[in-house]
Amino acid sequence: GVLDKVRKEKSKDGNNILQAPALLNLLDTLLRCPLPFPPGFFRVKSIPYSCVNLSADTGLLMKKQNEYNASIDARGECADAIPGIPFKLILSGTIPEEFIQSADVCFNQIIAQKTIRYQGQLYEDDDAEETHSESDNNQFSFAVPNGDPFSTTMQPCGQFIMPMFFTILREGFYKVEVKLGCRDARCTEWSIPTISPLEMTVRVEAVDDYGE
């Protein structure tokens, strides 16, 4: 290390004894040097997960997914929607106090980045394979613009409720995926980990007697 190099330089001069004042000055210089990595760099820090739930508005009928297209991979239930008619999903939960206190800059705004992906048609046809292939080729035509994130204000206790409105124009099964985050006083956005993925399958189908 550095001390070995100093000893070698002293030995060249024929003086093998390092004087105490010189050694103290050398150690003082070494102690004042900044560390090559931040303090706690090698310390594992656990990030608390937030308990958040994504649910459908009570006005949306929840039906078992297997009543329709069984090839769609859904989590048991899906929300109903009508093409071109806005529907509402509700994001609610609590941000742990440990996560709030660990933030370098205070925040009270919760944001949600959403992604809507087309999953497939409503009903299986006789020529399911041909239809499925055509659907894969035209999947990008069913893309729904993500737009700006939703946002709401968090209560001092960490709880929040965020209504989210969506509009899908084409029929089919869609998966709504939500990524939770926060925005601090500097308008910097951070990701908030959740215990379980925030996603829901939505079944979009036109209704002839809508509005009657």
Protein backbone atom coordinates (compact mmCIF):
# COMPACT_ATOMS: atom_id res chain seq x y z
CA GLY A 1 0.00 0.00 0.00
CA VAL A 2 1.00 3.62 0.47
CA LEU A 3 3.03 2.88 3.62
CA ASP A 4 5.11 0.27 1.80
CA LYS A 5 5.96 2.79 -0.92
CA VAL A 6 7.06 5.29 1.75
CA ARG A 7 9.30 2.71 3.41
CA LYS A 8 10.93 1.87 0.07
CA GLU A 9 11.63 5.54 -0.61
CA LYS A 10 13.19 5.94 2.84
CA SER A 11 15.32 2.83 2.38
CA LYS A 12 16.79 4.32 -0.80
CA ASP A 13 18.07 7.25 1.24
CA GLY A 14 19.65 4.86 3.76
CA ASN A 15 17.22 5.87 6.51
CA ASN A 16 15.08 2.85 7.40
CA ILE A 17 13.50 4.48 10.42
CA LEU A 18 10.35 6.43 9.60
CA GLN A 19 10.10 9.45 11.86
CA ALA A 20 6.97 9.78 14.00
CA PRO A 21 5.96 13.29 12.81
CA ALA A 22 6.21 12.21 9.18
CA LEU A 23 4.13 9.12 9.88
CA LEU A 24 1.45 11.18 11.65
CA ASN A 25 1.28 13.61 8.74
CA LEU A 26 0.96 10.73 6.31
CA LEU A 27 -1.83 9.04 8.29
CA ASP A 28 -3.67 12.34 8.69
CA THR A 29 -3.57 12.83 4.90
CA LEU A 30 -4.85 9.32 4.29
CA LEU A 31 -7.73 9.76 6.75
CA ARG A 32 -8.79 13.00 5.08
CA CYS A 33 -9.01 11.40 1.64
CA PRO A 34 -12.60 10.69 0.49
CA LEU A 35 -13.71 7.09 0.28
CA PRO A 36 -13.83 5.56 -3.22
CA PHE A 37 -17.48 4.57 -2.60
CA PRO A 38 -20.36 6.15 -0.63
CA PRO A 39 -20.86 5.11 3.00
CA GLY A 40 -23.17 2.12 3.25
CA PHE A 41 -22.56 1.18 -0.39
CA PHE A 42 -22.11 -2.49 0.49
CA ARG A 43 -24.90 -2.53 3.05
CA VAL A 44 -28.08 -4.28 1.90
CA LYS A 45 -31.09 -2.01 2.39
CA SER A 46 -34.57 -3.51 2.28
CA ILE A 47 -37.30 -1.50 0.55
CA PRO A 48 -40.75 -1.83 2.15
CA TYR A 49 -43.51 -2.96 -0.21
CA SER A 50 -46.84 -1.16 -0.39
CA CYS A 51 -50.18 -2.91 -0.03
CA VAL A 52 -52.20 -1.61 -3.01
CA ASN A 53 -55.37 -2.94 -4.62
CA LEU A 54 -56.70 -2.42 -8.16
CA SER A 55 -60.47 -2.90 -8.37
CA ALA A 56 -63.32 -2.15 -10.75
CA ASP A 57 -65.98 0.42 -10.10
CA THR A 58 -69.14 -1.01 -8.56
CA GLY A 59 -71.01 -0.02 -11.71
CA LEU A 60 -69.04 -2.56 -13.73
CA LEU A 61 -70.38 -6.10 -13.68
CA MET A 62 -67.74 -8.62 -12.69
CA LYS A 63 -68.13 -11.93 -14.54
CA LYS A 64 -66.15 -15.11 -14.51
CA GLN A 65 -63.69 -15.03 -17.37
CA ASN A 66 -64.28 -18.66 -18.36
CA GLU A 67 -67.80 -17.78 -19.56
CA TYR A 68 -66.18 -16.30 -22.64
CA ASN A 69 -62.86 -17.03 -24.32
CA ALA A 70 -61.11 -19.68 -22.22
CA SER A 71 -57.82 -19.11 -24.03
CA ILE A 72 -57.36 -15.70 -22.38
CA ASP A 73 -55.11 -15.87 -19.33
CA ALA A 74 -57.02 -13.89 -16.69
CA ARG A 75 -56.90 -13.92 -12.90
CA GLY A 76 -60.37 -15.41 -12.35
CA GLU A 77 -62.47 -12.31 -13.05
CA CYS A 78 -62.65 -9.51 -15.56
CA ALA A 79 -64.43 -6.16 -15.68
CA ASP A 80 -66.99 -5.39 -18.37
CA ALA A 81 -66.79 -2.29 -20.55
CA ILE A 82 -68.44 -0.91 -23.69
CA PRO A 83 -66.43 0.32 -26.71
CA GLY A 84 -66.07 4.10 -26.66
CA ILE A 85 -67.67 4.48 -23.20
CA PRO A 86 -65.33 5.50 -20.35
CA PHE A 87 -65.04 3.03 -17.48
CA LYS A 88 -63.42 3.49 -14.09
CA LEU A 89 -60.90 1.43 -12.14
CA ILE A 90 -59.98 2.35 -8.59
CA LEU A 91 -56.45 2.19 -7.18
CA SER A 92 -56.31 2.27 -3.40
CA GLY A 93 -53.83 1.36 -0.71
CA THR A 94 -51.34 2.50 1.89
CA ILE A 95 -47.71 3.58 1.53
CA PRO A 96 -45.66 2.25 4.48
CA GLU A 97 -44.28 4.81 6.91
CA GLU A 98 -40.81 3.28 6.49
CA PHE A 99 -40.89 4.10 2.77
CA ILE A 100 -42.05 7.68 3.39
CA GLN A 101 -39.33 8.31 5.97
CA SER A 102 -36.63 6.84 3.72
CA ALA A 103 -37.27 9.46 1.01
CA ASP A 104 -34.59 12.15 0.75
CA VAL A 105 -37.19 14.67 -0.44
CA CYS A 106 -40.72 14.79 0.98
CA PHE A 107 -43.57 13.74 -1.30
CA ASN A 108 -47.36 13.57 -1.05
CA GLN A 109 -48.32 12.94 -4.68
CA ILE A 110 -48.96 9.39 -5.87
CA ILE A 111 -48.85 8.66 -9.60
CA ALA A 112 -49.84 5.63 -11.67
CA GLN A 113 -48.38 4.75 -15.07
CA LYS A 114 -50.81 2.57 -17.02
CA THR A 115 -50.41 0.22 -19.95
CA ILE A 116 -53.28 -1.39 -21.88
CA ARG A 117 -52.48 -4.50 -23.91
CA TYR A 118 -54.80 -6.32 -26.29
CA GLN A 119 -55.15 -9.98 -25.29
CA GLY A 120 -57.49 -11.50 -27.86
CA GLN A 121 -60.99 -11.81 -29.26
CA LEU A 122 -64.13 -12.32 -27.19
CA TYR A 123 -65.33 -15.66 -28.51
CA GLU A 124 -63.67 -18.69 -30.07
CA ASP A 125 -64.55 -19.22 -33.73
CA ASP A 126 -64.48 -22.45 -35.71
CA ASP A 127 -61.41 -21.19 -37.50
CA ALA A 128 -59.77 -20.15 -34.23
CA GLU A 129 -56.23 -20.79 -35.44
CA GLU A 130 -56.65 -18.60 -38.53
CA THR A 131 -58.34 -15.86 -36.54
CA HIS A 132 -55.68 -16.02 -33.85
CA SER A 133 -52.93 -15.63 -36.46
CA GLU A 134 -54.68 -12.65 -38.02
CA SER A 135 -55.13 -11.11 -34.58
CA ASP A 136 -51.42 -11.43 -33.88
CA ASN A 137 -50.58 -9.67 -37.15
CA ASN A 138 -52.97 -6.80 -36.38
CA GLN A 139 -52.17 -6.53 -32.69
CA PHE A 140 -50.57 -3.11 -33.03
CA SER A 141 -53.80 -1.73 -34.55
CA PHE A 142 -55.48 -2.44 -31.18
CA ALA A 143 -52.92 -0.47 -29.22
CA VAL A 144 -54.36 2.01 -26.72
CA PRO A 145 -52.35 5.21 -26.11
CA ASN A 146 -51.00 5.32 -22.57
CA GLY A 147 -51.11 9.12 -22.21
CA ASP A 148 -50.18 11.00 -19.04
CA PRO A 149 -50.06 9.20 -15.69
CA PHE A 150 -52.90 9.42 -13.20
CA SER A 151 -52.18 11.23 -9.94
CA THR A 152 -53.70 11.86 -6.53
CA THR A 153 -52.70 13.31 -3.16
CA MET A 154 -51.58 10.98 -0.39
CA GLN A 155 -52.95 11.49 3.12
CA PRO A 156 -50.49 12.06 6.01
CA CYS A 157 -51.11 8.49 7.19
CA GLY A 158 -49.99 7.14 3.79
CA GLN A 159 -53.42 6.13 2.50
CA PHE A 160 -54.70 7.12 -0.94
CA ILE A 161 -57.56 6.47 -3.36
CA MET A 162 -57.08 7.10 -7.07
CA PRO A 163 -59.92 6.83 -9.61
CA MET A 164 -58.68 6.05 -13.13
CA PHE A 165 -60.80 6.45 -16.25
CA PHE A 166 -60.15 4.50 -19.44
CA THR A 167 -61.72 4.39 -22.90
CA ILE A 168 -61.23 1.46 -25.30
CA LEU A 169 -62.70 1.70 -28.80
CA ARG A 170 -62.49 -1.90 -30.04
CA GLU A 171 -64.06 -5.08 -28.73
CA GLY A 172 -61.92 -7.79 -27.19
CA PHE A 173 -60.07 -8.76 -24.05
CA TYR A 174 -57.54 -6.25 -22.72
CA LYS A 175 -55.15 -6.31 -19.79
CA VAL A 176 -54.69 -3.10 -17.81
CA GLU A 177 -51.32 -2.95 -16.05
CA VAL A 178 -50.47 -0.22 -13.54
CA LYS A 179 -47.07 0.81 -12.16
CA LEU A 180 -47.20 2.77 -8.90
CA GLY A 181 -44.93 5.73 -8.24
CA CYS A 182 -44.58 9.03 -6.41
CA ARG A 183 -43.60 12.60 -7.34
CA ASP A 184 -41.60 14.69 -4.86
CA ALA A 185 -41.34 18.46 -4.40
CA ARG A 186 -38.72 18.69 -7.16
CA CYS A 187 -41.16 17.02 -9.61
CA THR A 188 -38.88 13.97 -9.63
CA GLU A 189 -40.72 10.67 -10.06
CA TRP A 190 -39.84 7.48 -8.19
CA SER A 191 -41.13 3.93 -8.40
CA ILE A 192 -43.00 2.39 -5.46
CA PRO A 193 -42.81 -1.43 -5.18
CA THR A 194 -46.06 -3.26 -4.45
CA ILE A 195 -46.73 -6.63 -2.86
CA SER A 196 -48.56 -7.98 -5.92
CA PRO A 197 -48.76 -6.87 -9.58
CA LEU A 198 -51.44 -4.27 -10.30
CA GLU A 199 -53.32 -5.63 -13.30
CA MET A 200 -56.87 -6.46 -14.39
CA THR A 201 -58.46 -8.01 -17.44
CA VAL A 202 -61.20 -5.97 -19.13
CA ARG A 203 -63.80 -7.45 -21.46
CA VAL A 204 -64.96 -4.86 -24.02
CA GLU A 205 -68.15 -5.71 -25.93
CA ALA A 206 -70.86 -3.64 -27.56
CA VAL A 207 -74.35 -3.84 -26.03
CA ASP A 208 -77.35 -3.29 -28.31
CA ASP A 209 -79.74 -2.15 -25.59
CA TYR A 210 -77.27 0.20 -23.88
CA GLY A 211 -79.00 3.25 -22.51
CA GLU A 212 -82.50 1.77 -22.38
